[in-house]
Amino acid sequence: MSPLLFLDSQCHAGRADALALRWLGASGQRRDVTYGQLLDHASRCATLLRELGLKPGETVAVMTGRRPETLLAALGIWRAGGVYCPLFADLGPDPLLARLSLGDARILLVGAAAYRRAAASIRALLPRLRHVLVLGDDIPPDCLDLRAALAAASPSPTGSPADLAMAGMMHFTSGTTAPAASGSAQPKAVIHDGGVVELMASTARFAFGLRAGEMLWCTGEPGWIPHTAYGLVAPLATGAAILLDEAPTTPMRCLSVLEDEPVAVWYTTPTIIRNLIGGGAAPARSFRPCALRLAATVGEPLSGDAVVWGQQVLGIPFRDTWWQTEVAGIALAHDPTRPPLAGSMGKPLPGVRVALVHREGNHLSVCDSSAEATGELALWIDSLPPWRSLGGESGALAEEVDGWHLTGDLARRDADGYYWFLGREDDVIKSGGRRIGPFEVEAVLMSHPAVAQAGVVGAPDPRLLEKVVAFVVVNPGFDPGDALRSELHAFAREHLGQPLSPHEIRFENCLPRTASGKIVRHRLRALLLADAAGLNF
């Protein structure tokens, strides 16, 4: 049986009547789906896709947001032997065209509003896109009604082993470090086969202690691989239940859902946590999660103060996890049975070989694994699931050398084997003979009660080569003026020392981020260069 047919396995194991999915609609709807019902829906979706001419190994793009249809589509695509390609629902026409073309999508499932906003104008440019199925009430005449088509389809048996072996998943990376063209980073697609199912399930057990019957809530958008891994595959492959919430993930929404729903594991982003902290401790203390035992984050580093805040206010310390799209599952995390080490990414999970390396031309020197060290984070290829990639540009840092997958992330390993994020290799600031990791500075700034967000970059400087510039978003109730700027300069010098402290602090209303929440530092650098040239940016 294909690893992607985990619904069949759960039903055969007697879980057909167990809760598999609880969906909360933005308008107050609530829908529960059992494993048996989910299997039936997925089988009907597979029938529909085959009737539309989908062949094993072909790509189906899904752009329906945090809706049950997104998960049903993934499960149906795999049963039909297709490649599931989730896309962020808020993509514009240009990035959507790039992804549909690169992924060679033959069928597109899309929400009605997203179709009108992004897909309608580019459809004529996609001759290989055979069908568009729209989720909504106003169906364009050249599209199919997704709900009606699924309702009319009949369940079908699974495909042949050869057909199922062609099934897989395609995710586009965030593009924070890829070279930019026409104002945006070039997309890169990473494709995995069904072999990642066991990896996603086992890492959920190791990092979260996830058990059958528990509920996991991953707040990431479906276009992002953490949602596929831990908002779809891992829960269903382990017999757990998924919580899928359509509403925007505001701080109050998160607190309300955690109070009302039996969520045992909450997997979210540091951006959401920072927004939660920015709302103050009093509102958070008025909500008490009804079943939450573990909260973890992904997407960008988690500062140590956020870990402590979670323990003090919610009674649950937030835990950092680290991995990349190519890795397909969590590589660094904390033991779920022990308190996390604030500010650290944790230790390698079982089966993942991690090292710190230094590049020397076309070869690497690997740091002693038993000693403290600083270097580029690398993973041994044989300990990772196989993948292939499409698109991207030469110059992106993630690559393979001497059997290692180089991540482009700089990290420090302490004497106890814990890893600490320092920054991206191409984000490192070379100032006054020092190499400064931006996150080290950001983490200190964000530990100040006035700071909601911080992004640190290097700007050209004739004396230092680069000076450290911090872009700061303040929490409500604080005045972003000269007094606070002076206070933050003094705070940074106290905690970082003079050489690592920002030379300049700029207040902003918001910071540029990817859809997955990562700070896009090349846009901050572009803003500095434009200002220096007297240009409006």
Protein backbone atom coordinates (compact mmCIF):
# COMPACT_ATOMS: atom_id res chain seq x y z
CA MET A 1 0.00 0.00 0.00
CA SER A 2 1.27 3.48 -0.82
CA PRO A 3 2.40 5.51 2.24
CA LEU A 4 0.04 8.25 1.04
CA LEU A 5 -2.98 5.99 1.63
CA PHE A 6 -2.79 6.52 5.37
CA LEU A 7 -6.56 7.08 5.55
CA ASP A 8 -7.10 3.47 4.45
CA SER A 9 -4.70 2.30 7.13
CA GLN A 10 -6.51 4.21 9.87
CA CYS A 11 -9.92 2.92 8.78
CA HIS A 12 -8.62 -0.66 8.59
CA ALA A 13 -7.29 -0.17 12.13
CA GLY A 14 -10.82 0.61 13.38
CA ARG A 15 -10.72 4.42 13.37
CA ALA A 16 -13.39 4.96 10.70
CA ASP A 17 -15.75 6.64 13.21
CA ALA A 18 -13.04 8.68 14.97
CA LEU A 19 -12.76 12.43 14.45
CA ALA A 20 -10.29 13.27 11.70
CA LEU A 21 -11.04 16.94 10.94
CA ARG A 22 -12.81 19.78 12.71
CA TRP A 23 -13.27 22.85 10.55
CA LEU A 24 -14.17 26.26 11.98
CA GLY A 25 -15.55 28.65 9.38
CA ALA A 26 -14.85 32.37 9.35
CA SER A 27 -18.59 33.04 9.71
CA GLY A 28 -19.09 30.74 12.69
CA GLN A 29 -19.63 27.44 10.87
CA ARG A 30 -18.45 24.22 12.47
CA ARG A 31 -18.00 20.91 10.66
CA ASP A 32 -16.70 17.59 11.97
CA VAL A 33 -15.49 14.87 9.59
CA THR A 34 -14.60 11.31 10.61
CA TYR A 35 -11.84 9.18 9.11
CA GLY A 36 -14.44 7.14 7.23
CA GLN A 37 -16.15 10.21 5.81
CA LEU A 38 -12.79 11.70 4.84
CA LEU A 39 -11.88 8.49 3.01
CA ASP A 40 -15.17 8.56 1.11
CA HIS A 41 -14.70 12.22 0.10
CA ALA A 42 -11.10 11.57 -0.98
CA SER A 43 -12.18 8.61 -3.09
CA ARG A 44 -14.81 10.74 -4.84
CA CYS A 45 -12.23 13.46 -5.48
CA ALA A 46 -9.90 10.88 -7.04
CA THR A 47 -12.72 9.73 -9.33
CA LEU A 48 -13.39 13.31 -10.43
CA LEU A 49 -9.73 13.98 -11.20
CA ARG A 50 -9.41 10.79 -13.26
CA GLU A 51 -12.55 11.69 -15.19
CA LEU A 52 -10.99 15.08 -15.95
CA GLY A 53 -8.05 13.30 -17.52
CA LEU A 54 -5.46 13.52 -14.74
CA LYS A 55 -2.65 11.06 -15.36
CA PRO A 56 -0.32 9.67 -12.68
CA GLY A 57 2.54 12.04 -11.95
CA GLU A 58 0.72 15.14 -13.23
CA THR A 59 0.33 18.21 -11.03
CA VAL A 60 -2.86 19.59 -9.52
CA ALA A 61 -2.55 23.08 -8.02
CA VAL A 62 -4.81 23.87 -5.07
CA MET A 63 -5.53 27.45 -4.04
CA THR A 64 -8.60 27.15 -1.82
CA GLY A 65 -7.19 28.37 1.51
CA ARG A 66 -8.01 26.97 4.93
CA ARG A 67 -11.07 25.07 3.77
CA PRO A 68 -11.92 21.36 4.06
CA GLU A 69 -11.81 21.16 0.26
CA THR A 70 -8.05 21.82 0.39
CA LEU A 71 -7.40 18.73 2.49
CA LEU A 72 -9.89 16.63 0.52
CA ALA A 73 -8.16 17.68 -2.68
CA ALA A 74 -4.73 16.61 -1.40
CA LEU A 75 -6.03 13.22 -0.32
CA GLY A 76 -7.87 12.74 -3.61
CA ILE A 77 -4.90 13.81 -5.73
CA TRP A 78 -2.70 11.23 -4.03
CA ARG A 79 -5.30 8.49 -4.54
CA ALA A 80 -5.32 9.37 -8.24
CA GLY A 81 -1.52 9.19 -8.41
CA GLY A 82 -1.12 12.95 -8.88
CA VAL A 83 1.17 15.56 -7.39
CA TYR A 84 -0.43 17.89 -4.85
CA CYS A 85 0.77 21.49 -5.23
CA PRO A 86 -0.76 23.81 -2.59
CA LEU A 87 -0.52 27.55 -3.26
CA PHE A 88 -1.10 30.55 -1.03
CA ALA A 89 -4.62 31.83 -1.61
CA ASP A 90 -3.53 35.47 -1.79
CA LEU A 91 -1.06 35.14 -4.70
CA GLY A 92 -1.30 37.78 -7.41
CA PRO A 93 -1.40 37.06 -11.16
CA ASP A 94 2.36 37.22 -11.79
CA PRO A 95 3.54 34.86 -9.01
CA LEU A 96 0.61 32.55 -9.74
CA LEU A 97 1.54 32.37 -13.43
CA ALA A 98 5.16 31.59 -12.53
CA ARG A 99 4.15 28.73 -10.23
CA LEU A 100 1.54 27.18 -12.48
CA SER A 101 3.97 27.29 -15.39
CA LEU A 102 6.95 25.92 -13.50
CA GLY A 103 4.87 23.18 -11.88
CA ASP A 104 3.20 22.33 -15.21
CA ALA A 105 -0.19 22.25 -13.49
CA ARG A 106 -2.88 20.46 -15.49
CA ILE A 107 -5.79 21.18 -13.11
CA LEU A 108 -6.35 24.15 -10.79
CA LEU A 109 -8.69 24.18 -7.79
CA VAL A 110 -9.24 27.77 -6.69
CA GLY A 111 -11.57 29.93 -4.61
CA ALA A 112 -13.95 32.18 -6.51
CA ALA A 113 -12.44 35.44 -5.24
CA ALA A 114 -8.89 34.24 -5.96
CA TYR A 115 -9.90 33.20 -9.47
CA ARG A 116 -11.29 36.66 -10.27
CA ARG A 117 -8.33 38.44 -8.66
CA ALA A 118 -5.43 36.35 -9.96
CA ALA A 119 -6.26 33.42 -12.23
CA ALA A 120 -8.77 34.79 -14.75
CA SER A 121 -6.35 37.23 -16.38
CA ILE A 122 -3.57 34.65 -16.88
CA ARG A 123 -5.56 31.61 -17.94
CA ALA A 124 -4.98 32.20 -21.64
CA LEU A 125 -1.23 32.10 -20.93
CA LEU A 126 -1.46 28.53 -19.61
CA PRO A 127 -2.27 26.27 -22.56
CA ARG A 128 -1.40 23.10 -20.61
CA LEU A 129 -3.87 23.92 -17.83
CA ARG A 130 -6.82 21.74 -18.86
CA HIS A 131 -9.43 22.46 -16.20
CA VAL A 132 -10.20 25.04 -13.50
CA LEU A 133 -12.57 24.08 -10.69
CA VAL A 134 -13.87 26.99 -8.63
CA LEU A 135 -14.99 26.86 -4.99
CA GLY A 136 -17.74 29.40 -4.40
CA ASP A 137 -21.14 30.57 -5.56
CA ASP A 138 -20.35 32.65 -8.65
CA ILE A 139 -18.85 30.13 -11.10
CA PRO A 140 -17.43 31.63 -14.33
CA PRO A 141 -18.78 30.00 -17.51
CA ASP A 142 -15.39 28.54 -18.52
CA CYS A 143 -14.87 26.86 -15.12
CA LEU A 144 -16.36 23.91 -13.26
CA ASP A 145 -18.22 24.10 -9.96
CA LEU A 146 -15.97 22.23 -7.50
CA ARG A 147 -18.69 21.45 -4.95
CA ALA A 148 -21.14 20.20 -7.57
CA ALA A 149 -18.50 18.12 -9.33
CA LEU A 150 -17.43 16.44 -6.09
CA ALA A 151 -21.04 15.74 -5.11
CA ALA A 152 -21.69 14.07 -8.46
CA ALA A 153 -18.60 11.84 -8.35
CA SER A 154 -18.74 8.25 -7.13
CA PRO A 155 -16.18 6.56 -4.88
CA SER A 156 -13.60 4.55 -6.78
CA PRO A 157 -11.06 1.89 -5.89
CA THR A 158 -7.44 2.83 -5.41
CA GLY A 159 -5.16 2.93 -8.40
CA SER A 160 -2.50 0.41 -9.29
CA PRO A 161 0.77 0.35 -7.31
CA ALA A 162 2.55 1.78 -10.35
CA ASP A 163 0.11 4.70 -10.55
CA LEU A 164 0.26 5.38 -6.80
CA ALA A 165 4.05 5.39 -6.92
CA MET A 166 3.82 8.53 -9.08
CA ALA A 167 1.98 10.48 -6.37
CA GLY A 168 3.78 13.22 -4.49
CA MET A 169 3.77 16.80 -3.26
CA MET A 170 5.25 20.00 -4.64
CA HIS A 171 5.92 23.06 -2.48
CA PHE A 172 7.40 26.41 -3.40
CA THR A 173 10.02 27.82 -1.07
CA SER A 174 9.58 31.23 0.50
CA GLY A 175 12.14 32.94 -1.72
CA THR A 176 13.70 35.08 1.03
CA THR A 177 17.22 34.51 -0.26
CA ALA A 178 16.80 33.74 -3.96
CA PRO A 179 18.00 36.45 -6.35
CA ALA A 180 15.28 38.89 -7.32
CA ALA A 181 14.03 39.54 -10.82
CA SER A 182 11.37 42.10 -11.78
CA GLY A 183 11.04 43.02 -8.11
CA SER A 184 10.34 39.53 -6.76
CA ALA A 185 12.35 36.45 -5.90
CA GLN A 186 12.30 33.62 -8.41
CA PRO A 187 10.23 30.63 -7.26
CA LYS A 188 11.77 27.26 -6.57
CA ALA A 189 9.66 24.12 -6.37
CA VAL A 190 10.67 21.17 -4.19
CA ILE A 191 9.06 17.80 -4.96
CA HIS A 192 8.80 14.86 -2.54
CA ASP A 193 7.27 11.43 -3.03
CA GLY A 194 5.15 9.41 -0.62
CA GLY A 195 8.19 8.33 1.34
CA VAL A 196 7.99 11.50 3.44
CA VAL A 197 4.80 10.32 5.18
CA GLU A 198 6.65 8.27 7.79
CA LEU A 199 9.13 11.11 8.31
CA MET A 200 6.35 13.63 8.92
CA ALA A 201 4.55 11.27 11.29
CA SER A 202 7.65 10.23 13.24
CA THR A 203 8.88 13.80 13.67
CA ALA A 204 5.46 14.77 15.06
CA ARG A 205 5.89 12.01 17.62
CA PHE A 206 9.47 12.98 18.48
CA ALA A 207 8.99 16.77 18.56
CA PHE A 208 5.40 17.02 19.84
CA GLY A 209 4.74 13.66 21.49
CA LEU A 210 1.66 13.50 19.24
CA ARG A 211 -0.66 10.59 20.02
CA ALA A 212 -3.76 9.07 18.42
CA GLY A 213 -6.94 10.84 19.48
CA GLU A 214 -5.25 14.18 20.19
CA MET A 215 -5.98 17.35 18.23
CA LEU A 216 -3.26 19.32 16.41
CA TRP A 217 -3.74 22.88 15.18
CA CYS A 218 -1.25 24.18 12.61
CA THR A 219 -2.01 27.82 11.86
CA GLY A 220 0.15 27.99 8.71
CA GLU A 221 -1.40 28.61 5.32
CA PRO A 222 -1.85 25.48 3.16
CA GLY A 223 0.59 26.86 0.58
CA TRP A 224 3.40 26.37 3.10
CA ILE A 225 4.92 22.92 3.67
CA PRO A 226 4.47 22.99 7.49
CA HIS A 227 0.72 22.87 6.87
CA THR A 228 1.01 19.82 4.59
CA ALA A 229 3.35 18.09 7.03
CA TYR A 230 1.69 18.92 10.35
CA GLY A 231 -1.71 20.28 9.39
CA LEU A 232 -2.56 17.27 7.21
CA VAL A 233 -0.19 14.30 6.91
CA ALA A 234 1.22 13.83 10.42
CA PRO A 235 -2.10 14.05 12.32
CA LEU A 236 -3.94 11.65 10.00
CA ALA A 237 -1.01 9.25 9.74
CA THR A 238 -0.84 9.00 13.55
CA GLY A 239 -4.59 8.73 14.21
CA ALA A 240 -4.87 12.27 15.58
CA ALA A 241 -7.41 14.95 14.63
CA ILE A 242 -6.85 18.15 12.66
CA LEU A 243 -8.21 21.54 13.65
CA LEU A 244 -8.58 23.77 10.59
CA ASP A 245 -9.60 27.37 11.26
CA GLU A 246 -10.58 29.60 8.35
CA ALA A 247 -10.59 32.88 10.27
CA PRO A 248 -7.53 35.17 10.31
CA THR A 249 -5.12 34.13 13.05
CA THR A 250 -5.32 37.24 15.21
CA PRO A 251 -4.16 37.03 18.83
CA MET A 252 -7.70 37.07 20.22
CA ARG A 253 -8.84 34.45 17.70
CA CYS A 254 -5.99 32.16 18.73
CA LEU A 255 -6.79 32.53 22.42
CA SER A 256 -10.50 31.96 21.84
CA VAL A 257 -9.94 28.80 19.78
CA LEU A 258 -7.51 27.37 22.32
CA GLU A 259 -10.02 28.01 25.09
CA ASP A 260 -12.97 26.48 23.22
CA GLU A 261 -11.38 23.56 21.36
CA PRO A 262 -9.49 20.52 22.73
CA VAL A 263 -6.23 21.42 20.97
CA ALA A 264 -3.38 19.43 22.52
CA VAL A 265 -0.61 20.64 20.16
CA TRP A 266 -0.48 24.15 18.69
CA TYR A 267 2.03 24.71 15.86
CA THR A 268 2.26 28.34 14.83
CA THR A 269 4.74 31.07 13.86
CA PRO A 270 6.85 33.47 15.94
CA THR A 271 5.05 36.35 14.17
CA ILE A 272 1.76 35.26 15.71
CA ILE A 273 3.44 34.86 19.09
CA ARG A 274 4.95 38.36 18.85
CA ASN A 275 1.51 39.77 18.05
CA LEU A 276 0.10 37.88 21.02
CA ILE A 277 2.78 39.33 23.30
CA GLY A 278 2.14 42.80 21.86
CA GLY A 279 -1.46 42.58 23.05
CA GLY A 280 -0.23 42.41 26.64
CA ALA A 281 -0.35 39.79 29.36
CA ALA A 282 -3.76 40.77 30.79
CA PRO A 283 -5.89 39.65 27.80
CA ALA A 284 -3.91 36.42 27.46
CA ARG A 285 -4.32 35.57 31.15
CA SER A 286 -8.10 35.89 30.82
CA PHE A 287 -8.09 32.89 28.46
CA ARG A 288 -7.12 29.45 29.67
CA PRO A 289 -6.52 26.72 27.08
CA CYS A 290 -8.75 23.75 27.75
CA ALA A 291 -6.39 20.98 26.59
CA LEU A 292 -3.15 22.56 25.37
CA ARG A 293 -0.02 20.70 26.52
CA LEU A 294 2.55 21.81 23.89
CA ALA A 295 3.03 24.92 21.73
CA ALA A 296 5.75 25.12 19.08
CA THR A 297 6.75 27.52 16.33
CA VAL A 298 8.29 27.35 12.86
CA GLY A 299 9.27 29.69 10.04
CA GLU A 300 11.67 32.07 11.73
CA PRO A 301 13.73 31.98 14.93
CA LEU A 302 11.91 32.24 18.25
CA SER A 303 13.46 34.70 20.69
CA GLY A 304 14.06 33.56 24.25
CA ASP A 305 11.72 36.13 25.81
CA ALA A 306 8.78 34.60 23.90
CA VAL A 307 9.52 31.21 25.43
CA VAL A 308 9.46 32.69 28.92
CA TRP A 309 6.34 34.78 28.20
CA GLY A 310 4.40 31.68 27.16
CA GLN A 311 5.27 29.92 30.41
CA GLN A 312 4.46 32.89 32.61
CA VAL A 313 1.22 33.97 30.91
CA LEU A 314 -0.28 30.87 29.28
CA GLY A 315 1.38 28.24 31.42
CA ILE A 316 2.92 26.70 28.29
CA PRO A 317 6.46 27.60 27.12
CA PHE A 318 6.74 28.10 23.37
CA ARG A 319 9.24 25.80 21.66
CA ASP A 320 11.29 26.54 18.59
CA THR A 321 11.66 24.01 15.77
CA TRP A 322 13.92 24.20 12.74
CA TRP A 323 13.71 22.65 9.26
CA GLN A 324 13.54 23.60 5.59
CA THR A 325 11.29 22.71 2.67
CA GLU A 326 13.86 20.25 1.28
CA VAL A 327 14.08 18.46 4.65
CA ALA A 328 10.28 17.76 4.64
CA GLY A 329 10.05 17.52 8.43
CA ILE A 330 11.42 18.89 11.69
CA ALA A 331 15.18 18.40 12.06
CA LEU A 332 15.91 20.32 15.29
CA ALA A 333 13.55 20.45 18.26
CA HIS A 334 13.34 20.07 22.02
CA ASP A 335 12.44 16.94 23.95
CA PRO A 336 8.66 17.32 24.49
CA THR A 337 8.94 15.77 27.96
CA ARG A 338 11.36 18.46 29.20
CA PRO A 339 11.24 22.27 29.38
CA PRO A 340 12.77 23.93 26.29
CA LEU A 341 15.98 25.91 26.46
CA ALA A 342 14.90 29.49 25.77
CA GLY A 343 16.43 30.91 22.59
CA SER A 344 17.68 27.57 21.27
CA MET A 345 16.42 25.63 18.26
CA GLY A 346 16.95 22.39 20.17
CA LYS A 347 18.85 19.25 19.21
CA PRO A 348 18.74 16.98 16.14
CA LEU A 349 15.84 14.55 16.06
CA PRO A 350 16.62 10.83 15.88
CA GLY A 351 17.81 9.76 12.44
CA VAL A 352 18.86 13.25 11.31
CA ARG A 353 22.61 13.88 11.07
CA VAL A 354 23.39 17.56 11.61
CA ALA A 355 26.77 19.31 11.53
CA LEU A 356 28.32 22.75 11.43
CA VAL A 357 30.62 23.30 8.45
CA HIS A 358 32.86 25.89 6.83
CA ARG A 359 33.10 26.21 3.07
CA GLU A 360 36.53 25.96 1.50
CA GLY A 361 36.05 26.41 -2.22
CA ASN A 362 34.30 23.29 -3.50
CA HIS A 363 34.94 21.37 -0.29
CA LEU A 364 33.87 21.57 3.32
CA SER A 365 35.54 21.32 6.68
CA VAL A 366 33.22 19.77 9.26
CA CYS A 367 33.42 20.99 12.85
CA ASP A 368 34.08 18.47 15.60
CA SER A 369 30.63 17.16 16.59
CA SER A 370 31.60 16.85 20.25
CA ALA A 371 32.73 20.44 20.71
CA GLU A 372 31.25 23.91 20.80
CA ALA A 373 31.36 25.47 17.35
CA THR A 374 29.93 28.09 15.01
CA GLY A 375 29.36 27.52 11.31
CA GLU A 376 26.87 26.87 8.56
CA LEU A 377 24.18 24.36 9.43
CA ALA A 378 24.37 21.28 7.22
CA LEU A 379 22.46 17.99 7.06
CA TRP A 380 23.85 14.72 5.76
CA ILE A 381 22.00 13.86 2.54
CA ASP A 382 21.57 10.16 3.36
CA SER A 383 19.63 11.08 6.52
CA LEU A 384 17.09 13.12 4.52
CA PRO A 385 14.22 12.06 2.24
CA PRO A 386 15.01 12.28 -1.48
CA TRP A 387 13.74 15.35 -3.27
CA ARG A 388 14.11 17.09 -6.58
CA SER A 389 13.71 20.74 -7.39
CA LEU A 390 12.51 22.91 -10.26
CA GLY A 391 13.27 26.54 -10.99
CA GLY A 392 15.06 28.88 -8.63
CA GLU A 393 18.24 30.71 -9.56
CA SER A 394 21.90 29.98 -9.16
CA GLY A 395 23.14 31.89 -6.14
CA ALA A 396 20.52 30.63 -3.69
CA LEU A 397 22.48 29.27 -0.76
CA ALA A 398 20.87 25.89 -0.14
CA GLU A 399 22.90 23.33 -2.10
CA GLU A 400 24.75 20.03 -1.86
CA VAL A 401 28.52 19.71 -1.34
CA ASP A 402 30.52 16.61 -0.33
CA GLY A 403 27.34 14.74 0.57
CA TRP A 404 25.95 17.52 2.79
CA HIS A 405 22.85 19.66 2.26
CA LEU A 406 24.02 23.20 3.00
CA THR A 407 21.19 25.25 4.45
CA GLY A 408 22.62 28.77 4.30
CA ASP A 409 21.79 29.20 8.00
CA LEU A 410 24.53 30.12 10.45
CA ALA A 411 24.27 28.53 13.88
CA ARG A 412 26.16 27.96 17.10
CA ARG A 413 26.33 24.64 18.94
CA ASP A 414 26.91 24.80 22.68
CA ALA A 415 28.71 22.32 24.93
CA ASP A 416 25.47 20.42 25.58
CA GLY A 417 24.70 19.92 21.88
CA TYR A 418 21.95 22.56 21.56
CA TYR A 419 21.87 24.66 18.39
CA TRP A 420 21.36 28.43 18.34
CA PHE A 421 20.37 30.36 15.21
CA LEU A 422 22.61 33.29 14.25
CA GLY A 423 21.30 34.31 10.81
CA ARG A 424 21.39 33.53 7.12
CA GLU A 425 24.85 33.30 5.58
CA ASP A 426 23.96 36.05 3.10
CA ASP A 427 22.40 38.16 5.88
CA VAL A 428 25.56 38.22 8.00
CA ILE A 429 26.75 41.77 8.63
CA LYS A 430 30.52 42.38 8.28
CA SER A 431 31.15 45.35 10.54
CA GLY A 432 34.47 46.52 11.95
CA GLY A 433 36.13 43.15 11.35
CA ARG A 434 33.29 41.21 12.99
CA ARG A 435 30.67 38.89 11.49
CA ILE A 436 27.35 39.74 13.15
CA GLY A 437 24.31 37.49 12.86
CA PRO A 438 21.19 39.69 12.56
CA PHE A 439 18.97 37.45 14.70
CA GLU A 440 21.33 37.83 17.66
CA VAL A 441 20.64 41.56 17.59
CA GLU A 442 16.92 41.15 16.79
CA ALA A 443 16.40 38.79 19.71
CA VAL A 444 17.78 41.31 22.20
CA LEU A 445 15.72 44.16 20.78
CA MET A 446 12.55 42.05 20.87
CA SER A 447 13.16 41.30 24.55
CA HIS A 448 12.45 44.99 25.26
CA PRO A 449 8.76 45.47 26.18
CA ALA A 450 8.32 48.25 23.59
CA VAL A 451 9.40 46.16 20.61
CA ALA A 452 6.91 44.04 18.69
CA GLN A 453 9.11 43.23 15.68
CA ALA A 454 12.70 43.87 14.67
CA GLY A 455 14.62 43.37 11.44
CA VAL A 456 18.36 43.95 11.33
CA VAL A 457 20.50 44.43 8.20
CA GLY A 458 23.85 45.88 7.21
CA ALA A 459 24.19 49.19 5.38
CA PRO A 460 27.33 50.37 3.54
CA ASP A 461 29.70 52.34 5.75
CA PRO A 462 33.08 53.81 4.66
CA ARG A 463 34.73 53.13 8.02
CA LEU A 464 33.20 49.84 9.19
CA LEU A 465 32.40 48.35 5.76
CA GLU A 466 28.85 47.85 7.05
CA LYS A 467 26.94 49.44 9.89
CA VAL A 468 24.17 47.68 11.81
CA VAL A 469 20.71 49.12 11.10
CA ALA A 470 17.63 47.96 13.00
CA PHE A 471 14.08 48.40 11.70
CA VAL A 472 11.67 48.30 14.64
CA VAL A 473 7.89 48.03 14.99
CA VAL A 474 6.69 49.08 18.45
CA ASN A 475 3.93 47.62 20.56
CA PRO A 476 0.70 49.57 21.18
CA GLY A 477 1.07 52.18 23.89
CA PHE A 478 4.69 53.10 23.10
CA ASP A 479 5.75 56.28 21.29
CA PRO A 480 8.21 55.60 18.42
CA GLY A 481 10.19 58.76 19.02
CA ASP A 482 13.65 59.94 19.97
CA ALA A 483 13.26 59.04 23.65
CA LEU A 484 12.46 55.41 22.86
CA ARG A 485 15.23 55.29 20.25
CA SER A 486 17.77 56.40 22.87
CA GLU A 487 16.39 53.89 25.33
CA LEU A 488 16.72 51.05 22.81
CA HIS A 489 20.29 52.06 21.94
CA ALA A 490 21.21 51.92 25.62
CA PHE A 491 19.36 48.63 26.10
CA ALA A 492 21.18 47.06 23.16
CA ARG A 493 24.60 48.26 24.37
CA GLU A 494 23.89 46.84 27.82
CA HIS A 495 22.97 43.40 26.51
CA LEU A 496 25.07 43.11 23.34
CA GLY A 497 28.07 45.33 23.95
CA GLN A 498 29.05 48.24 21.77
CA PRO A 499 30.40 46.30 18.70
CA LEU A 500 27.17 44.35 18.10
CA SER A 501 24.71 47.13 18.93
CA PRO A 502 22.74 48.89 16.18
CA HIS A 503 24.33 52.05 14.85
CA GLU A 504 20.93 53.22 13.65
CA ILE A 505 17.35 52.42 14.71
CA ARG A 506 14.45 53.18 12.38
CA PHE A 507 10.81 52.91 13.36
CA GLU A 508 8.38 51.40 10.87
CA ASN A 509 4.67 50.52 10.85
CA CYS A 510 5.38 47.01 9.57
CA LEU A 511 8.21 44.86 8.22
CA PRO A 512 8.20 43.09 4.84
CA ARG A 513 7.59 39.39 5.32
CA THR A 514 6.95 36.33 3.22
CA ALA A 515 3.59 34.59 3.43
CA SER A 516 5.16 32.21 5.95
CA GLY A 517 6.24 35.07 8.21
CA LYS A 518 9.96 35.35 7.47
CA ILE A 519 11.50 38.82 7.33
CA VAL A 520 12.55 39.70 3.77
CA ARG A 521 15.83 41.38 4.60
CA HIS A 522 16.81 42.13 1.01
CA ARG A 523 13.84 44.51 0.86
CA LEU A 524 15.07 46.27 4.00
CA ARG A 525 18.51 46.60 2.41
CA ALA A 526 16.91 47.93 -0.78
CA LEU A 527 15.07 50.55 1.29
CA LEU A 528 18.35 51.73 2.81
CA LEU A 529 20.05 51.95 -0.59
CA ALA A 530 17.11 53.85 -2.06
CA ASP A 531 17.17 56.33 0.81
CA ALA A 532 20.90 56.84 0.37
CA ALA A 533 20.34 57.58 -3.32
CA GLY A 534 17.48 59.99 -2.56
CA LEU A 535 14.88 57.76 -4.23
CA ASN A 536 11.33 57.00 -3.19
CA PHE A 537 10.99 53.27 -2.56
